[in-house]
Amino acid sequence: MHVNEHSVEIDRPSSKVFPYLVESGQRLRWMGALAESEQVTEGEPGLGTRFRDVFEDHGQRVEIDAEVVEWQPTERLAIRLGASSFQSTGTHELRESDGRTTVTTRMETEYTSRMARLMAGVITRHAQTRLEEDLVRLKQLVESES
């Protein structure tokens, strides 16, 4: 299992931050490699909501099936991700204090293809850099709009 984790403090309450973590249109704005995101289940996002996401990075295009597997609005969100080369679970924990929210994102990934397993160290280091950049972008976006 390969793990990436990073936290960022956002000067907004968790009720303002949480929608950016689950709504396709918002995720496209702060996740740098996310090129497409479509909710494939009907209704408001919640437990069991599924998405089809496309990530593009370093000339690679990866289609991912995603499903919300934990749903505690304003506190915790977990999404299971699956593609041909990996299975992953991303968890966002939100802790609010005095109107500020600390978001901690943890990605646990198992590489399933032979090539991905061979490249796991490089992929995981790149994913850590991407996660840190994305969370900085999330902070800037939420703080500029709320």
Protein backbone atom coordinates (compact mmCIF):
# COMPACT_ATOMS: atom_id res chain seq x y z
CA MET A 1 0.00 0.00 0.00
CA HIS A 2 1.34 3.43 -0.95
CA VAL A 3 0.20 6.48 0.99
CA ASN A 4 0.10 10.19 0.22
CA GLU A 5 -1.09 12.70 2.81
CA HIS A 6 -1.17 16.45 3.18
CA SER A 7 -3.07 19.10 5.16
CA VAL A 8 -3.97 22.70 4.51
CA GLU A 9 -5.72 25.29 6.67
CA ILE A 10 -8.43 27.29 4.91
CA ASP A 11 -9.77 30.52 6.38
CA ARG A 12 -13.41 29.47 5.92
CA PRO A 13 -15.86 27.24 7.81
CA SER A 14 -16.10 23.59 6.76
CA SER A 15 -19.60 24.16 5.31
CA LYS A 16 -17.98 26.40 2.67
CA VAL A 17 -15.11 23.99 1.97
CA PHE A 18 -16.95 20.65 1.74
CA PRO A 19 -18.78 21.29 -1.59
CA TYR A 20 -15.42 21.87 -3.32
CA LEU A 21 -14.42 18.32 -2.44
CA VAL A 22 -17.38 16.54 -4.03
CA GLU A 23 -19.01 18.65 -6.77
CA SER A 24 -17.60 17.84 -10.22
CA GLY A 25 -17.52 21.45 -11.38
CA GLN A 26 -15.66 22.58 -8.28
CA ARG A 27 -13.17 19.68 -8.34
CA LEU A 28 -12.26 20.61 -11.93
CA ARG A 29 -11.23 24.04 -10.69
CA TRP A 30 -8.65 22.97 -8.11
CA MET A 31 -7.45 19.49 -9.08
CA GLY A 32 -4.70 20.18 -11.57
CA ALA A 33 -4.70 16.87 -13.45
CA LEU A 34 -8.49 16.44 -13.49
CA ALA A 35 -9.57 17.07 -17.09
CA GLU A 36 -13.15 15.74 -16.94
CA SER A 37 -15.56 14.83 -14.18
CA GLU A 38 -19.11 13.65 -14.61
CA GLN A 39 -21.50 12.48 -11.92
CA VAL A 40 -23.10 9.32 -13.33
CA THR A 41 -25.72 8.79 -10.64
CA GLU A 42 -28.73 11.06 -10.33
CA GLY A 43 -29.50 13.46 -7.51
CA GLU A 44 -27.45 15.40 -5.04
CA PRO A 45 -24.04 13.98 -4.13
CA GLY A 46 -24.05 11.61 -1.16
CA LEU A 47 -23.16 8.11 -0.07
CA GLY A 48 -23.02 5.85 -3.14
CA THR A 49 -22.73 8.69 -5.66
CA ARG A 50 -20.58 7.62 -8.60
CA PHE A 51 -18.42 9.68 -10.94
CA ARG A 52 -16.46 9.10 -14.12
CA ASP A 53 -13.27 11.12 -13.95
CA VAL A 54 -10.51 11.59 -16.49
CA PHE A 55 -7.05 12.63 -15.32
CA GLU A 56 -4.36 13.83 -17.73
CA ASP A 57 -0.79 14.10 -16.52
CA HIS A 58 2.57 13.83 -18.32
CA GLY A 59 0.88 12.78 -21.56
CA GLN A 60 -1.07 10.00 -19.85
CA ARG A 61 -4.85 9.92 -19.89
CA VAL A 62 -6.45 7.77 -17.19
CA GLU A 63 -10.18 7.12 -16.85
CA ILE A 64 -11.27 6.48 -13.30
CA ASP A 65 -14.49 5.16 -11.81
CA ALA A 66 -15.13 6.82 -8.45
CA GLU A 67 -17.70 6.17 -5.74
CA VAL A 68 -18.43 8.00 -2.49
CA VAL A 69 -17.97 5.38 0.25
CA GLU A 70 -18.12 7.66 3.32
CA TRP A 71 -20.30 10.74 3.63
CA GLN A 72 -20.34 13.00 6.68
CA PRO A 73 -21.07 16.48 5.30
CA THR A 74 -18.69 19.16 6.58
CA GLU A 75 -16.59 16.52 8.42
CA ARG A 76 -15.45 13.57 6.29
CA LEU A 77 -15.63 12.29 2.73
CA ALA A 78 -14.08 9.13 1.31
CA ILE A 79 -14.03 8.17 -2.35
CA ARG A 80 -12.98 4.81 -3.78
CA LEU A 81 -11.18 5.15 -7.11
CA GLY A 82 -10.54 2.42 -9.63
CA ALA A 83 -8.66 2.27 -12.92
CA SER A 84 -6.89 -0.39 -14.93
CA SER A 85 -3.58 0.17 -13.13
CA PHE A 86 -4.61 0.95 -9.53
CA GLN A 87 -7.21 0.93 -6.77
CA SER A 88 -7.24 3.81 -4.33
CA THR A 89 -9.23 5.36 -1.52
CA GLY A 90 -9.04 9.09 -0.95
CA THR A 91 -10.24 10.44 2.39
CA HIS A 92 -10.81 14.10 3.17
CA GLU A 93 -11.08 14.99 6.87
CA LEU A 94 -12.28 18.48 7.77
CA ARG A 95 -11.70 19.92 11.24
CA GLU A 96 -13.16 23.35 11.95
CA SER A 97 -11.99 25.71 14.66
CA ASP A 98 -12.92 29.38 15.00
CA GLY A 99 -14.25 29.55 11.43
CA ARG A 100 -11.10 28.03 9.93
CA THR A 101 -10.97 24.52 8.48
CA THR A 102 -8.04 22.15 8.34
CA VAL A 103 -8.44 19.75 5.44
CA THR A 104 -6.34 16.60 5.58
CA THR A 105 -6.36 14.43 2.49
CA ARG A 106 -5.00 10.89 2.59
CA MET A 107 -4.68 8.69 -0.48
CA GLU A 108 -4.06 4.97 -0.03
CA THR A 109 -3.18 3.31 -3.32
CA GLU A 110 -2.53 -0.22 -4.46
CA TYR A 111 -0.96 -0.51 -7.89
CA THR A 112 -2.47 -3.44 -9.79
CA SER A 113 -0.67 -3.46 -13.14
CA ARG A 114 2.88 -4.74 -13.46
CA MET A 115 4.14 -1.46 -14.92
CA ALA A 116 2.52 0.63 -12.19
CA ARG A 117 4.05 -1.63 -9.51
CA LEU A 118 7.49 -1.19 -11.10
CA MET A 119 7.04 2.59 -11.16
CA ALA A 120 5.29 2.83 -7.77
CA GLY A 121 7.99 4.91 -6.07
CA VAL A 122 8.11 7.50 -8.84
CA ILE A 123 4.30 7.60 -9.18
CA THR A 124 3.80 7.98 -5.43
CA ARG A 125 6.34 10.83 -5.16
CA HIS A 126 4.71 12.62 -8.09
CA ALA A 127 1.27 12.09 -6.56
CA GLN A 128 2.50 13.69 -3.31
CA THR A 129 3.69 16.79 -5.15
CA ARG A 130 0.41 16.96 -7.06
CA LEU A 131 -1.61 16.60 -3.84
CA GLU A 132 0.29 19.43 -2.15
CA GLU A 133 -0.16 21.71 -5.18
CA ASP A 134 -3.85 20.86 -5.45
CA LEU A 135 -4.57 21.61 -1.80
CA VAL A 136 -2.83 24.99 -2.08
CA ARG A 137 -5.04 25.72 -5.10
CA LEU A 138 -8.13 24.60 -3.12
CA LYS A 139 -7.21 26.99 -0.28
CA GLN A 140 -6.73 29.91 -2.67
CA LEU A 141 -9.98 29.19 -4.49
CA VAL A 142 -12.18 28.81 -1.41
CA GLU A 143 -10.69 31.84 0.34
CA SER A 144 -11.09 34.03 -2.74
CA GLU A 145 -14.76 33.15 -3.28
CA SER A 146 -16.34 32.77 0.14
